[in-house]
C-alpha atoms as a PDB file:
ATOM      1  CA  MET A   1       0.000   0.000   0.000  1.00  0.00           C
ATOM      2  CA  LEU A   2       1.450   3.301  -1.075  1.00  0.00           C
ATOM      3  CA  GLY A   3      -0.840   5.520   0.900  1.00  0.00           C
ATOM      4  CA  LEU A   4      -4.312   6.344   2.197  1.00  0.00           C
ATOM      5  CA  VAL A   5      -6.927   8.447   0.434  1.00  0.00           C
ATOM      6  CA  ILE A   6      -8.803  10.918   2.647  1.00  0.00           C
ATOM      7  CA  GLY A   7     -11.366  12.927   0.731  1.00  0.00           C
ATOM      8  CA  THR A   8      -9.577  13.919  -2.454  1.00  0.00           C
ATOM      9  CA  LYS A   9      -6.102  13.943  -0.902  1.00  0.00           C
ATOM     10  CA  LYS A  10      -3.758  11.012  -0.882  1.00  0.00           C
ATOM     11  CA  ILE A  11      -1.553  10.696   2.187  1.00  0.00           C
ATOM     12  CA  ARG A  12       1.623   8.801   1.417  1.00  0.00           C
ATOM     13  CA  GLU A  13       2.797   6.401   4.069  1.00  0.00           C
ATOM     14  CA  PRO A  14       6.414   6.729   5.234  1.00  0.00           C
ATOM     15  CA  LYS A  15       8.870   4.648   3.239  1.00  0.00           C
ATOM     16  CA  VAL A  16      10.174   1.547   4.961  1.00  0.00           C
ATOM     17  CA  TYR A  17      13.862   0.750   4.453  1.00  0.00           C
ATOM     18  CA  THR A  18      15.868  -2.400   4.914  1.00  0.00           C
ATOM     19  CA  LEU A  19      18.888  -2.289   7.190  1.00  0.00           C
ATOM     20  CA  GLU A  20      21.171  -2.555   4.172  1.00  0.00           C
ATOM     21  CA  GLU A  21      19.459   0.414   2.499  1.00  0.00           C
ATOM     22  CA  TYR A  22      19.828   2.437   5.674  1.00  0.00           C
ATOM     23  CA  LEU A  23      23.520   1.628   5.927  1.00  0.00           C
ATOM     24  CA  ARG A  24      24.147   2.647   2.323  1.00  0.00           C
ATOM     25  CA  ARG A  25      22.313   5.946   2.887  1.00  0.00           C
ATOM     26  CA  GLU A  26      24.174   6.580   6.121  1.00  0.00           C
ATOM     27  CA  GLU A  27      27.542   6.079   4.449  1.00  0.00           C
ATOM     28  CA  ARG A  28      26.760   8.972   2.102  1.00  0.00           C
ATOM     29  CA  SER A  29      25.007  11.222   4.614  1.00  0.00           C
ATOM     30  CA  VAL A  30      26.606  14.275   6.220  1.00  0.00           C
ATOM     31  CA  GLU A  31      24.158  13.928   9.130  1.00  0.00           C
ATOM     32  CA  LYS A  32      23.590  11.044  11.525  1.00  0.00           C
ATOM     33  CA  HIS A  33      20.438   8.942  11.505  1.00  0.00           C
ATOM     34  CA  GLU A  34      19.274   6.054  13.650  1.00  0.00           C
ATOM     35  CA  PHE A  35      17.421   3.021  12.332  1.00  0.00           C
ATOM     36  CA  TYR A  36      14.227   1.652  13.866  1.00  0.00           C
ATOM     37  CA  ASN A  37      13.085  -1.483  12.056  1.00  0.00           C
ATOM     38  CA  GLY A  38      12.600   0.205   8.721  1.00  0.00           C
ATOM     39  CA  LYS A  39      12.291   3.807   9.825  1.00  0.00           C
ATOM     40  CA  ILE A  40      15.214   6.224   9.502  1.00  0.00           C
ATOM     41  CA  ILE A  41      15.218   8.982  12.108  1.00  0.00           C
ATOM     42  CA  LYS A  42      17.494  12.017  11.933  1.00  0.00           C
ATOM     43  CA  MET A  43      19.429  12.659  15.132  1.00  0.00           C
ATOM     44  CA  PRO A  44      19.235  16.136  16.694  1.00  0.00           C
ATOM     45  CA  GLY A  45      22.296  18.330  16.352  1.00  0.00           C
ATOM     46  CA  GLY A  46      24.646  18.444  19.323  1.00  0.00           C
ATOM     47  CA  THR A  47      25.867  21.426  21.308  1.00  0.00           C
ATOM     48  CA  ASP A  48      29.456  22.408  21.993  1.00  0.00           C
ATOM     49  CA  ARG A  49      29.026  21.313  25.633  1.00  0.00           C
ATOM     50  CA  HIS A  50      27.624  17.929  24.633  1.00  0.00           C
ATOM     51  CA  SER A  51      30.474  17.428  22.182  1.00  0.00           C
ATOM     52  CA  GLU A  52      33.178  18.385  24.680  1.00  0.00           C
ATOM     53  CA  ILE A  53      31.803  16.140  27.427  1.00  0.00           C
ATOM     54  CA  GLY A  54      31.659  13.265  24.941  1.00  0.00           C
ATOM     55  CA  LEU A  55      35.291  13.836  24.014  1.00  0.00           C
ATOM     56  CA  ASN A  56      36.282  14.172  27.686  1.00  0.00           C
ATOM     57  CA  ILE A  57      34.719  10.869  28.711  1.00  0.00           C
ATOM     58  CA  GLY A  58      36.215   9.063  25.729  1.00  0.00           C
ATOM     59  CA  ALA A  59      39.698  10.345  26.542  1.00  0.00           C
ATOM     60  CA  ALA A  60      39.271   9.555  30.240  1.00  0.00           C
ATOM     61  CA  LEU A  61      38.161   6.014  29.441  1.00  0.00           C
ATOM     62  CA  LYS A  62      41.124   5.378  27.133  1.00  0.00           C
ATOM     63  CA  TRP A  63      43.550   6.701  29.729  1.00  0.00           C
ATOM     64  CA  ALA A  64      41.972   4.619  32.515  1.00  0.00           C
ATOM     65  CA  VAL A  65      41.972   1.272  30.691  1.00  0.00           C
ATOM     66  CA  ARG A  66      45.382   1.610  29.027  1.00  0.00           C
ATOM     67  CA  PRO A  67      47.438   0.025  31.863  1.00  0.00           C
ATOM     68  CA  LEU A  68      44.988  -2.802  32.571  1.00  0.00           C
ATOM     69  CA  PRO A  69      45.969  -6.410  31.812  1.00  0.00           C
ATOM     70  CA  THR A  70      42.626  -6.923  30.075  1.00  0.00           C
ATOM     71  CA  LYS A  71      42.405  -5.284  26.675  1.00  0.00           C
ATOM     72  CA  PHE A  72      39.516  -2.832  26.409  1.00  0.00           C
ATOM     73  CA  ARG A  73      38.631  -0.949  23.235  1.00  0.00           C
ATOM     74  CA  VAL A  74      37.090   2.543  23.497  1.00  0.00           C
ATOM     75  CA  TYR A  75      34.994   4.000  20.667  1.00  0.00           C
ATOM     76  CA  ASN A  76      33.377   7.385  20.116  1.00  0.00           C
ATOM     77  CA  SER A  77      29.952   8.341  18.770  1.00  0.00           C
ATOM     78  CA  ASP A  78      30.743   7.380  15.162  1.00  0.00           C
ATOM     79  CA  LEU A  79      30.131   3.668  15.805  1.00  0.00           C
ATOM     80  CA  LYS A  80      26.584   2.312  15.814  1.00  0.00           C
ATOM     81  CA  ILE A  81      25.240  -0.406  18.110  1.00  0.00           C
ATOM     82  CA  TYR A  82      22.946  -2.952  16.489  1.00  0.00           C
ATOM     83  CA  ILE A  83      20.136  -4.490  18.562  1.00  0.00           C
ATOM     84  CA  GLU A  84      19.239  -7.460  16.400  1.00  0.00           C
ATOM     85  CA  PRO A  85      16.058  -8.596  18.237  1.00  0.00           C
ATOM     86  CA  MET A  86      14.448  -5.233  17.420  1.00  0.00           C
ATOM     87  CA  ASN A  87      16.324  -4.551  14.161  1.00  0.00           C
ATOM     88  CA  PHE A  88      17.498  -1.203  15.553  1.00  0.00           C
ATOM     89  CA  GLY A  89      20.765   0.598  14.877  1.00  0.00           C
ATOM     90  CA  VAL A  90      21.559   3.448  17.275  1.00  0.00           C
ATOM     91  CA  TYR A  91      24.466   5.744  18.069  1.00  0.00           C
ATOM     92  CA  PRO A  92      25.813   5.999  21.649  1.00  0.00           C
ATOM     93  CA  ASP A  93      28.089   8.853  22.721  1.00  0.00           C
ATOM     94  CA  ALA A  94      30.846   6.394  23.642  1.00  0.00           C
ATOM     95  CA  LEU A  95      31.224   2.671  24.240  1.00  0.00           C
ATOM     96  CA  VAL A  96      33.752   0.153  25.494  1.00  0.00           C
ATOM     97  CA  VAL A  97      34.294  -3.391  24.263  1.00  0.00           C
ATOM     98  CA  CYS A  98      36.185  -6.098  26.145  1.00  0.00           C
ATOM     99  CA  GLU A  99      38.991  -7.655  24.126  1.00  0.00           C
ATOM    100  CA  THR A 100      37.618  -8.184  20.589  1.00  0.00           C
ATOM    101  CA  PRO A 101      34.803  -6.204  18.952  1.00  0.00           C
ATOM    102  CA  GLN A 102      32.081  -8.260  17.319  1.00  0.00           C
ATOM    103  CA  TYR A 103      30.296  -6.852  14.303  1.00  0.00           C
ATOM    104  CA  TRP A 104      26.958  -7.637  12.716  1.00  0.00           C
ATOM    105  CA  ASN A 105      27.372  -9.504   9.440  1.00  0.00           C
ATOM    106  CA  GLY A 106      30.974  -8.346   9.122  1.00  0.00           C
ATOM    107  CA  ARG A 107      29.967  -4.650   9.078  1.00  0.00           C
ATOM    108  CA  THR A 108      32.611  -2.695  10.988  1.00  0.00           C
ATOM    109  CA  ASP A 109      30.156   0.154  11.571  1.00  0.00           C
ATOM    110  CA  LEU A 110      27.642  -2.014  13.499  1.00  0.00           C
ATOM    111  CA  ILE A 111      28.859  -3.424  16.795  1.00  0.00           C
ATOM    112  CA  VAL A 112      26.931  -6.041  18.786  1.00  0.00           C
ATOM    113  CA  ASN A 113      29.002  -6.653  21.942  1.00  0.00           C
ATOM    114  CA  PRO A 114      29.369  -3.414  23.942  1.00  0.00           C
ATOM    115  CA  LEU A 115      30.377  -3.878  27.567  1.00  0.00           C
ATOM    116  CA  LEU A 116      29.913  -0.281  28.730  1.00  0.00           C
ATOM    117  CA  ILE A 117      27.826   2.400  27.010  1.00  0.00           C
ATOM    118  CA  VAL A 118      27.899   6.161  27.637  1.00  0.00           C
ATOM    119  CA  GLU A 119      25.162   8.655  26.840  1.00  0.00           C
ATOM    120  CA  VAL A 120      25.542  12.405  27.387  1.00  0.00           C
ATOM    121  CA  LEU A 121      22.104  13.712  28.316  1.00  0.00           C
ATOM    122  CA  SER A 122      20.528  16.658  26.537  1.00  0.00           C
ATOM    123  CA  ARG A 123      17.140  18.294  26.942  1.00  0.00           C
ATOM    124  CA  SER A 124      15.726  16.661  23.822  1.00  0.00           C
ATOM    125  CA  THR A 125      17.058  13.125  24.396  1.00  0.00           C
ATOM    126  CA  GLN A 126      17.361  12.589  28.159  1.00  0.00           C
ATOM    127  CA  VAL A 127      14.038  10.740  28.599  1.00  0.00           C
ATOM    128  CA  TYR A 128      14.802   8.444  25.680  1.00  0.00           C
ATOM    129  CA  ASP A 129      18.379   7.853  26.884  1.00  0.00           C
ATOM    130  CA  ARG A 130      17.252   7.045  30.440  1.00  0.00           C
ATOM    131  CA  PHE A 131      14.450   4.691  29.528  1.00  0.00           C
ATOM    132  CA  GLY A 132      13.977   3.828  25.851  1.00  0.00           C
ATOM    133  CA  LYS A 133      17.590   3.321  24.881  1.00  0.00           C
ATOM    134  CA  PHE A 134      18.370   1.583  28.166  1.00  0.00           C
ATOM    135  CA  ASP A 135      15.641  -0.996  27.493  1.00  0.00           C
ATOM    136  CA  LEU A 136      17.146  -1.595  24.060  1.00  0.00           C
ATOM    137  CA  TYR A 137      20.693  -1.958  25.317  1.00  0.00           C
ATOM    138  CA  LYS A 138      19.585  -4.444  28.000  1.00  0.00           C
ATOM    139  CA  MET A 139      18.777  -6.921  25.218  1.00  0.00           C
ATOM    140  CA  LEU A 140      22.508  -7.279  24.519  1.00  0.00           C
ATOM    141  CA  PRO A 141      24.076 -10.049  26.659  1.00  0.00           C
ATOM    142  CA  SER A 142      27.476  -8.332  26.679  1.00  0.00           C
ATOM    143  CA  PHE A 143      26.088  -5.060  28.093  1.00  0.00           C
ATOM    144  CA  LYS A 144      27.068  -4.663  31.770  1.00  0.00           C
ATOM    145  CA  GLU A 145      27.217  -0.931  32.552  1.00  0.00           C
ATOM    146  CA  TYR A 146      25.433   2.255  31.524  1.00  0.00           C
ATOM    147  CA  VAL A 147      26.832   5.731  32.160  1.00  0.00           C
ATOM    148  CA  LEU A 148      24.519   8.750  31.915  1.00  0.00           C
ATOM    149  CA  ILE A 149      26.254  12.131  32.019  1.00  0.00           C
ATOM    150  CA  ASP A 150      24.207  15.265  32.646  1.00  0.00           C
ATOM    151  CA  SER A 151      25.299  18.166  30.445  1.00  0.00           C
ATOM    152  CA  LYS A 152      23.447  20.845  32.453  1.00  0.00           C
ATOM    153  CA  LYS A 153      24.860  20.134  35.912  1.00  0.00           C
ATOM    154  CA  PRO A 154      27.586  17.915  37.433  1.00  0.00           C
ATOM    155  CA  SER A 155      25.824  14.585  37.733  1.00  0.00           C
ATOM    156  CA  VAL A 156      26.925  11.172  36.501  1.00  0.00           C
ATOM    157  CA  GLU A 157      24.676   8.149  36.931  1.00  0.00           C
ATOM    158  CA  THR A 158      25.986   4.605  36.562  1.00  0.00           C
ATOM    159  CA  ARG A 159      23.869   1.484  36.198  1.00  0.00           C
ATOM    160  CA  PHE A 160      25.722  -1.795  36.706  1.00  0.00           C
ATOM    161  CA  ARG A 161      24.194  -5.183  35.897  1.00  0.00           C
ATOM    162  CA  GLU A 162      24.755  -7.369  38.972  1.00  0.00           C
ATOM    163  CA  GLU A 163      22.431 -10.097  37.705  1.00  0.00           C
ATOM    164  CA  GLU A 164      20.367 -10.532  34.548  1.00  0.00           C
ATOM    165  CA  ASP A 165      17.509  -8.347  35.777  1.00  0.00           C
ATOM    166  CA  LEU A 166      19.209  -6.595  38.703  1.00  0.00           C
ATOM    167  CA  TRP A 167      20.901  -3.235  38.141  1.00  0.00           C
ATOM    168  CA  ARG A 168      22.800  -1.296  40.816  1.00  0.00           C
ATOM    169  CA  ILE A 169      22.321   2.447  40.307  1.00  0.00           C
ATOM    170  CA  LYS A 170      24.593   5.133  41.727  1.00  0.00           C
ATOM    171  CA  THR A 171      24.744   8.882  41.092  1.00  0.00           C
ATOM    172  CA  GLU A 172      27.780  11.091  41.695  1.00  0.00           C
ATOM    173  CA  THR A 173      27.409  14.875  41.902  1.00  0.00           C
ATOM    174  CA  ASN A 174      30.534  15.935  43.812  1.00  0.00           C
ATOM    175  CA  MET A 175      33.167  17.337  41.460  1.00  0.00           C
ATOM    176  CA  SER A 176      35.900  16.332  43.904  1.00  0.00           C
ATOM    177  CA  ASN A 177      34.977  12.637  43.720  1.00  0.00           C
ATOM    178  CA  THR A 178      35.438   9.875  41.186  1.00  0.00           C
ATOM    179  CA  VAL A 179      32.995   7.704  39.253  1.00  0.00           C
ATOM    180  CA  SER A 180      33.585   3.972  39.740  1.00  0.00           C
ATOM    181  CA  LEU A 181      33.095   1.820  36.667  1.00  0.00           C
ATOM    182  CA  ARG A 182      32.737  -1.715  37.938  1.00  0.00           C
ATOM    183  CA  SER A 183      32.656  -3.375  34.521  1.00  0.00           C
ATOM    184  CA  LEU A 184      36.171  -2.071  33.860  1.00  0.00           C
ATOM    185  CA  GLY A 185      37.549  -2.009  37.397  1.00  0.00           C
ATOM    186  CA  VAL A 186      38.559   1.660  37.145  1.00  0.00           C
ATOM    187  CA  ALA A 187      37.508   5.039  38.518  1.00  0.00           C
ATOM    188  CA  ILE A 188      37.343   8.300  36.562  1.00  0.00           C
ATOM    189  CA  LYS A 189      37.537  11.759  38.072  1.00  0.00           C
ATOM    190  CA  MET A 190      34.449  13.923  37.804  1.00  0.00           C
ATOM    191  CA  GLU A 191      36.716  16.870  37.009  1.00  0.00           C
ATOM    192  CA  ASP A 192      38.070  14.974  33.989  1.00  0.00           C
ATOM    193  CA  ILE A 193      34.580  14.246  32.695  1.00  0.00           C
ATOM    194  CA  TYR A 194      33.599  17.902  33.034  1.00  0.00           C
ATOM    195  CA  GLU A 195      36.932  19.465  32.109  1.00  0.00           C
ATOM    196  CA  ASN A 196      36.447  23.018  30.743  1.00  0.00           C
ATOM    197  CA  ILE A 197      32.673  22.869  31.276  1.00  0.00           C
ATOM    198  CA  ASN A 198      31.249  26.078  32.760  1.00  0.00           C
ATOM    199  CA  PHE A 199      27.873  25.385  34.368  1.00  0.00           C
ATOM    200  CA  THR A 200      27.200  29.045  35.068  1.00  0.00           C
ATOM    201  CA  ALA A 201      27.200  29.879  31.371  1.00  0.00           C
ATOM    202  CA  LYS A 202      23.875  29.693  29.534  1.00  0.00           C
END
């Protein structure tokens, strides 16, 4: 069915894409889009603060895991996570993989085994990041820890999977403290996450 006819006007239904079509479009696009079982959704543009916090946490993660005997790989927001049960492809702000990354169908832009996922919260996405995306990520067996970083005030929430359906939640708001990441066995300074961020500026 191409569309519905209401009165004399024909309303065209949104086009449904395959995952492969989405990936080909995304390779050529100058903007980022997420994939929701046939629907392609444009991502909102980021702010300078959101971008800097994302870079800060990525750098802090790489520095923290570098001396560890276990090899961890840290990736930025250019790499998509694929949730196969829902046929969704979404972008996190950062992610960590233990040892060897696993890709969907050999595609090096679609990862399926994240250990830790980071989202920097913004006004337009914070509800989705806290609830919708979290429910998606929980479908991945490898996923053990979720880090939610507030971009409006110093607040970092971690959710650690202690058992299959049991998550331990902790929030840190003191800039003098550290954020413990149990999945990696490291701690990151709040001041490193929020380096150069001025919360008094509008």
